[in-house]
Every structure is written in structure tokens, then in C-alpha cells.
Amino acid sequence: MYDKNVVLDVGGWGDNIIQDDIWMGVKLALNGYDTHLLGELSLRILVPSTLAAFKTQQKRWAYGTSDVLRRSALKLIKSHKLSFWRRLEMLAYMSLPLLTIPVSISFLLLPIAGALEQRITFGMFLEEILYMSSPFILIFPIYYYLYQRLMKKYSLKQTITNLGRFTAILTTLTPTLAWNSLKGLLGLPLSYEVTPKGKKETQEKKPKDPFYMLLWSTLSLFISVLNQNTIIGALSLAFFTASLWTLARAEKIVA
């Protein structure tokens, strides 16, 4: 909820703003305003319940967040009204969609790496997997604790299941999110799409993202098996599993 006088004081939202809530949050912070959480209030809203609607929403969010980062990064760095840690948190949060870019590049290069790299033994595979997974192993207990504080009704099994489902869906959409994040960062134009909800969702065509990722990861998996490249095989299997699950179950789970 915004006070009218405050909105006028910071100059309103402006034109061609996709991610209006983050943009307004940055403007408020840069102008010395604080926001507060009204935890005792709740509001019922419609949310995407199909993969197509969810993709539309996430594409816009990826673009919009990166667009706000482009518009405000320099202002935040130079700001003297905000503490260093607060500015760092804001920049880190707005940089999250950009993490999909290196993941997408890696995914696209998997078949090439599987074909060019030498045979990798199982021992080398375990060593590399340990290096790659150790940060996630350390972070997961913290993530689980914070998730449980927000969603107290879920058991450990339900929490892990929900995180796995959400990870599979986002993994499948990663190349699309990466492209839109890059467009936002570069200031390329984007046609605003309203997220379809309710009855309008039934008019949307099913995205082909899971099918394309499944084909590419199958090719990568096949090449890695032929060349006995266990690391590329494991990475290919991760994308293969995520896309296969999303293709088979996502429309039933998102709702």
C-alpha cells in the first residue's frame, strides 16, 4: 500500500516499467523511505495454475527485475542514504534472474563438451560432484529452516517434494528466463504480457520448453555415454529428469 503523497514525492512509477513493485521499492529506498511488513493482513489473489501461465509470469519477472537492475545499479552504488549491506542485498536480489544465463550456456554446451572431453573415470566424477555440490549441501539446512518458518504446515518430506517440483519446473524454463533476463539487462524492448489467470488459462497453448530440453539433454546424455564422460552424463541426466518430469506432471502440479 502506497501513500499518495509519497508516490508523488518520488516521481511516480514512470513509463515503460515492467516490474513496478521492485522499481517502486528502489525509488522509495533511494529517497529515504522505509517499508514495513503488515504481517497481520492477508489478501486472496489468483495465481498461475498452468505451466503456460507460469511461464508468462516468470518471463516478465525475469525481464523486469533485470531491467530495474540496469536502471538503478549505478544509483544504488553511489547512494549515501543506504548502508553498504542494504545496497548489497538489493543488488544481489535483483541479480538473481541473471544466474539463469550461465546455467543456460552450460546446458547448450553439454553435447559439445560430452563429445570433446576425454574419458572421465568414476573416481574423478565423485570428486567433481563433491566440489560442485558442497555449497548446496551447506546452504540447504538454512534454506530449509527459512522455508519451514514460512510454511509451517509442511513436513520434511513435503518440503523436499515441493522444492524438487519447483526446481524441475524452473530448470525447464531456465533458457527462456535467461534470454529475457539478458533482454532486460540490455534494455531491449519487451511486449508486456498479462499473466492469464482463471478461465483465460485454458486458452493458452502448452509450452514446448520441456520437449525441447528433453531432446537436447537426451542427445547430450547419449554422447556422454558413448564417450564415457560421467560428469557430462550426470549433468545431462539432471536436465533430462527435470524436463521429463515437467513434461509429464507439471500441468497437474502447478495448480
Protein backbone atom coordinates (compact mmCIF):
# COMPACT_ATOMS: atom_id res chain seq x y z
CA MET A 1 0.00 0.00 0.00
CA TYR A 2 1.42 3.37 -1.02
CA ASP A 3 0.65 6.79 0.40
CA LYS A 4 -0.31 9.07 -2.49
CA ASN A 5 1.94 11.91 -1.33
CA VAL A 6 4.91 9.53 -1.10
CA VAL A 7 4.34 8.26 -4.65
CA LEU A 8 4.18 11.83 -5.92
CA ASP A 9 7.31 12.76 -3.97
CA VAL A 10 9.41 10.02 -5.64
CA GLY A 11 8.06 10.92 -9.08
CA GLY A 12 5.61 8.07 -9.58
CA TRP A 13 6.46 4.91 -11.44
CA GLY A 14 7.39 6.41 -14.81
CA ASP A 15 6.83 4.97 -18.26
CA ASN A 16 7.65 1.51 -19.62
CA ILE A 17 8.24 -0.07 -16.21
CA ILE A 18 7.64 -3.83 -16.29
CA GLN A 19 8.47 -4.79 -12.68
CA ASP A 20 6.65 -1.95 -10.97
CA ASP A 21 6.87 -3.24 -7.39
CA ILE A 22 10.66 -3.64 -7.36
CA TRP A 23 11.11 -0.34 -9.20
CA MET A 24 8.99 1.49 -6.65
CA GLY A 25 10.84 -0.24 -3.81
CA VAL A 26 14.16 1.01 -5.17
CA LYS A 27 12.81 4.55 -5.62
CA LEU A 28 11.46 4.59 -2.08
CA ALA A 29 14.78 3.37 -0.67
CA LEU A 30 16.84 5.88 -2.65
CA ASN A 31 14.59 8.68 -1.39
CA GLY A 32 14.92 7.70 2.25
CA TYR A 33 11.59 5.92 2.74
CA ASP A 34 11.26 2.70 4.71
CA THR A 35 8.68 -0.02 4.10
CA HIS A 36 7.00 -2.17 6.74
CA LEU A 37 5.52 -5.64 6.71
CA LEU A 38 1.86 -5.78 7.72
CA GLY A 39 2.02 -9.40 8.80
CA GLU A 40 -1.46 -9.49 10.31
CA LEU A 41 -3.13 -8.75 6.96
CA SER A 42 -3.87 -11.20 4.16
CA LEU A 43 -5.21 -10.88 0.65
CA ARG A 44 -6.65 -13.58 -1.59
CA ILE A 45 -5.45 -13.40 -5.20
CA LEU A 46 -5.42 -15.60 -8.28
CA VAL A 47 -2.07 -17.19 -9.14
CA PRO A 48 -0.94 -19.10 -12.26
CA SER A 49 -2.14 -22.70 -12.20
CA THR A 50 -0.76 -23.91 -15.56
CA LEU A 51 2.75 -24.12 -16.95
CA ALA A 52 1.89 -21.70 -19.76
CA ALA A 53 0.60 -19.04 -17.35
CA PHE A 54 3.54 -19.58 -15.01
CA LYS A 55 5.97 -19.18 -17.92
CA THR A 56 4.34 -15.89 -18.93
CA GLN A 57 4.66 -14.59 -15.38
CA GLN A 58 8.27 -15.72 -14.90
CA LYS A 59 9.38 -14.30 -18.28
CA ARG A 60 8.04 -10.89 -17.31
CA TRP A 61 9.56 -11.06 -13.85
CA ALA A 62 12.98 -12.08 -15.21
CA TYR A 63 12.97 -9.22 -17.71
CA GLY A 64 11.53 -6.69 -15.28
CA THR A 65 13.93 -7.42 -12.43
CA SER A 66 16.97 -7.21 -14.71
CA ASP A 67 15.56 -4.03 -16.22
CA VAL A 68 15.30 -2.42 -12.77
CA LEU A 69 18.86 -3.55 -12.03
CA ARG A 70 20.04 -1.81 -15.21
CA ARG A 71 18.18 1.38 -14.33
CA SER A 72 19.19 1.56 -10.67
CA ALA A 73 22.54 -0.23 -10.14
CA LEU A 74 24.71 2.88 -10.51
CA LYS A 75 22.36 4.96 -8.35
CA LEU A 76 22.46 2.35 -5.59
CA ILE A 77 26.25 2.09 -5.71
CA LYS A 78 26.59 5.87 -5.36
CA SER A 79 23.85 6.28 -2.74
CA HIS A 80 24.87 7.61 0.68
CA LYS A 81 21.39 7.22 2.21
CA LEU A 82 21.60 3.42 2.33
CA SER A 83 24.05 1.25 4.23
CA PHE A 84 26.55 -0.87 2.34
CA TRP A 85 24.83 -4.11 3.34
CA ARG A 86 21.39 -2.87 2.34
CA ARG A 87 22.66 -1.81 -1.08
CA LEU A 88 24.45 -5.15 -1.48
CA GLU A 89 21.27 -7.05 -0.62
CA MET A 90 19.21 -5.06 -3.12
CA LEU A 91 21.75 -5.55 -5.91
CA ALA A 92 22.09 -9.26 -5.12
CA TYR A 93 18.32 -9.75 -5.14
CA MET A 94 17.90 -8.01 -8.49
CA SER A 95 20.77 -10.06 -9.93
CA LEU A 96 19.06 -13.40 -9.25
CA PRO A 97 17.44 -13.79 -12.70
CA LEU A 98 20.87 -13.34 -14.31
CA LEU A 99 22.00 -16.61 -12.70
CA THR A 100 19.98 -18.42 -15.35
CA ILE A 101 22.38 -17.18 -18.06
CA PRO A 102 25.49 -19.27 -17.16
CA VAL A 103 23.25 -22.28 -16.46
CA SER A 104 21.65 -21.95 -19.90
CA ILE A 105 25.03 -21.58 -21.63
CA SER A 106 26.26 -24.69 -19.82
CA PHE A 107 23.16 -26.60 -20.88
CA LEU A 108 23.61 -25.63 -24.53
CA LEU A 109 27.27 -26.69 -24.46
CA LEU A 110 26.69 -30.08 -22.82
CA PRO A 111 26.65 -32.16 -26.05
CA ILE A 112 29.79 -30.41 -27.31
CA ALA A 113 31.61 -30.91 -24.01
CA GLY A 114 30.49 -34.54 -23.90
CA ALA A 115 31.93 -35.10 -27.36
CA LEU A 116 35.23 -33.25 -26.94
CA GLU A 117 36.29 -34.04 -23.40
CA GLN A 118 38.30 -37.15 -22.62
CA ARG A 119 37.02 -40.18 -20.75
CA ILE A 120 36.32 -39.32 -17.12
CA THR A 121 36.58 -42.09 -14.53
CA PHE A 122 34.05 -42.68 -11.77
CA GLY A 123 36.57 -41.53 -9.15
CA MET A 124 37.09 -38.23 -10.96
CA PHE A 125 33.31 -37.96 -11.26
CA LEU A 126 32.77 -38.32 -7.50
CA GLU A 127 35.46 -35.75 -6.78
CA GLU A 128 33.97 -33.19 -9.17
CA ILE A 129 30.41 -33.80 -7.93
CA LEU A 130 31.59 -33.27 -4.35
CA TYR A 131 33.17 -29.94 -5.29
CA MET A 132 30.07 -28.80 -7.18
CA SER A 133 27.53 -29.90 -4.59
CA SER A 134 29.30 -28.88 -1.36
CA PRO A 135 27.97 -25.27 -1.41
CA PHE A 136 24.42 -26.54 -1.85
CA ILE A 137 24.84 -29.10 0.93
CA LEU A 138 25.93 -26.30 3.27
CA ILE A 139 23.15 -23.92 2.19
CA PHE A 140 20.25 -26.40 2.20
CA PRO A 141 19.78 -26.55 6.04
CA ILE A 142 19.49 -22.74 6.11
CA TYR A 143 17.10 -22.76 3.16
CA TYR A 144 15.02 -25.49 4.79
CA TYR A 145 14.87 -23.58 8.10
CA LEU A 146 13.67 -20.39 6.41
CA TYR A 147 11.16 -22.34 4.27
CA GLN A 148 9.76 -24.03 7.38
CA ARG A 149 9.29 -20.68 9.09
CA LEU A 150 7.17 -19.51 6.17
CA MET A 151 5.36 -22.81 5.53
CA LYS A 152 4.98 -24.36 8.97
CA LYS A 153 2.29 -26.81 7.86
CA TYR A 154 4.69 -28.85 5.70
CA SER A 155 6.69 -31.85 6.91
CA LEU A 156 10.29 -32.52 5.85
CA LYS A 157 9.06 -34.89 3.13
CA GLN A 158 6.54 -32.36 1.81
CA THR A 159 9.15 -29.58 1.89
CA ILE A 160 11.71 -31.58 -0.10
CA THR A 161 8.99 -32.69 -2.54
CA ASN A 162 7.78 -29.13 -3.13
CA LEU A 163 11.33 -27.82 -3.58
CA GLY A 164 12.03 -30.63 -6.05
CA ARG A 165 8.91 -29.91 -8.08
CA PHE A 166 9.58 -26.20 -8.21
CA THR A 167 13.22 -26.79 -9.14
CA ALA A 168 12.22 -29.08 -12.01
CA ILE A 169 9.80 -26.53 -13.44
CA LEU A 170 12.23 -23.61 -13.16
CA THR A 171 15.07 -25.70 -14.61
CA THR A 172 12.93 -26.41 -17.65
CA LEU A 173 12.19 -22.70 -18.10
CA THR A 174 15.81 -21.62 -17.50
CA PRO A 175 16.76 -20.88 -21.16
CA THR A 176 13.65 -18.73 -21.61
CA LEU A 177 14.29 -16.89 -18.36
CA ALA A 178 17.94 -16.36 -19.30
CA TRP A 179 17.02 -14.77 -22.62
CA ASN A 180 14.50 -12.43 -21.00
CA SER A 181 16.95 -11.55 -18.21
CA LEU A 182 19.54 -10.61 -20.82
CA LYS A 183 17.00 -8.51 -22.72
CA GLY A 184 16.12 -6.64 -19.54
CA LEU A 185 19.76 -6.05 -18.68
CA LEU A 186 20.47 -4.70 -22.17
CA GLY A 187 17.31 -2.59 -22.28
CA LEU A 188 15.87 -4.40 -25.30
CA PRO A 189 12.12 -3.93 -25.82
CA LEU A 190 9.58 -6.39 -24.43
CA SER A 191 5.90 -6.71 -25.29
CA TYR A 192 4.03 -6.69 -21.99
CA GLU A 193 2.02 -9.87 -21.47
CA VAL A 194 -0.56 -10.05 -18.73
CA THR A 195 -0.41 -13.35 -16.85
CA PRO A 196 -3.52 -15.32 -17.79
CA LYS A 197 -5.48 -16.48 -14.75
CA GLY A 198 -8.74 -18.27 -14.13
CA LYS A 199 -10.69 -19.15 -17.27
CA LYS A 200 -8.19 -17.37 -19.53
CA GLU A 201 -5.57 -20.01 -18.69
CA THR A 202 -7.49 -22.63 -20.65
CA GLN A 203 -6.94 -20.62 -23.85
CA GLU A 204 -3.14 -20.82 -23.57
CA LYS A 205 -1.15 -23.35 -25.59
CA LYS A 206 1.12 -25.70 -23.68
CA PRO A 207 4.77 -24.51 -23.77
CA LYS A 208 7.20 -26.66 -25.71
CA ASP A 209 10.13 -25.84 -23.41
CA PRO A 210 10.07 -29.26 -21.66
CA PHE A 211 10.03 -31.08 -25.01
CA TYR A 212 12.99 -29.10 -26.43
CA MET A 213 15.04 -29.54 -23.25
CA LEU A 214 14.24 -33.25 -23.21
CA LEU A 215 15.51 -33.66 -26.78
CA TRP A 216 18.72 -31.71 -26.17
CA SER A 217 19.51 -33.43 -22.87
CA THR A 218 18.82 -36.84 -24.46
CA LEU A 219 21.35 -36.04 -27.18
CA SER A 220 23.86 -34.90 -24.58
CA LEU A 221 23.24 -37.99 -22.45
CA PHE A 222 23.70 -40.28 -25.47
CA ILE A 223 27.01 -38.63 -26.43
CA SER A 224 28.33 -38.71 -22.87
CA VAL A 225 27.54 -42.43 -22.56
CA LEU A 226 29.35 -43.18 -25.82
CA ASN A 227 32.42 -41.23 -24.67
CA GLN A 228 32.20 -42.49 -21.07
CA ASN A 229 32.06 -38.92 -19.80
CA THR A 230 30.42 -39.39 -16.41
CA ILE A 231 30.36 -35.71 -15.39
CA ILE A 232 28.58 -34.53 -18.54
CA GLY A 233 26.35 -37.58 -18.26
CA ALA A 234 25.31 -36.65 -14.72
CA LEU A 235 24.62 -33.04 -15.69
CA SER A 236 22.68 -34.17 -18.75
CA LEU A 237 20.68 -36.55 -16.59
CA ALA A 238 19.71 -33.68 -14.27
CA PHE A 239 18.25 -31.65 -17.16
CA PHE A 240 16.72 -34.80 -18.65
CA THR A 241 14.95 -35.67 -15.40
CA ALA A 242 13.69 -32.11 -14.84
CA SER A 243 12.28 -31.77 -18.35
CA LEU A 244 10.78 -35.26 -18.36
CA TRP A 245 9.02 -34.67 -15.05
CA THR A 246 7.76 -31.25 -16.17
CA LEU A 247 6.50 -32.67 -19.45
CA ALA A 248 4.61 -35.44 -17.66
CA ARG A 249 3.42 -33.82 -14.45
CA ALA A 250 3.72 -30.02 -14.40
CA GLU A 251 0.16 -29.21 -15.51
CA LYS A 252 -1.16 -31.37 -12.67
CA ILE A 253 1.17 -29.99 -10.01
CA VAL A 254 1.26 -26.22 -10.63
CA ALA A 255 -2.38 -25.96 -9.67
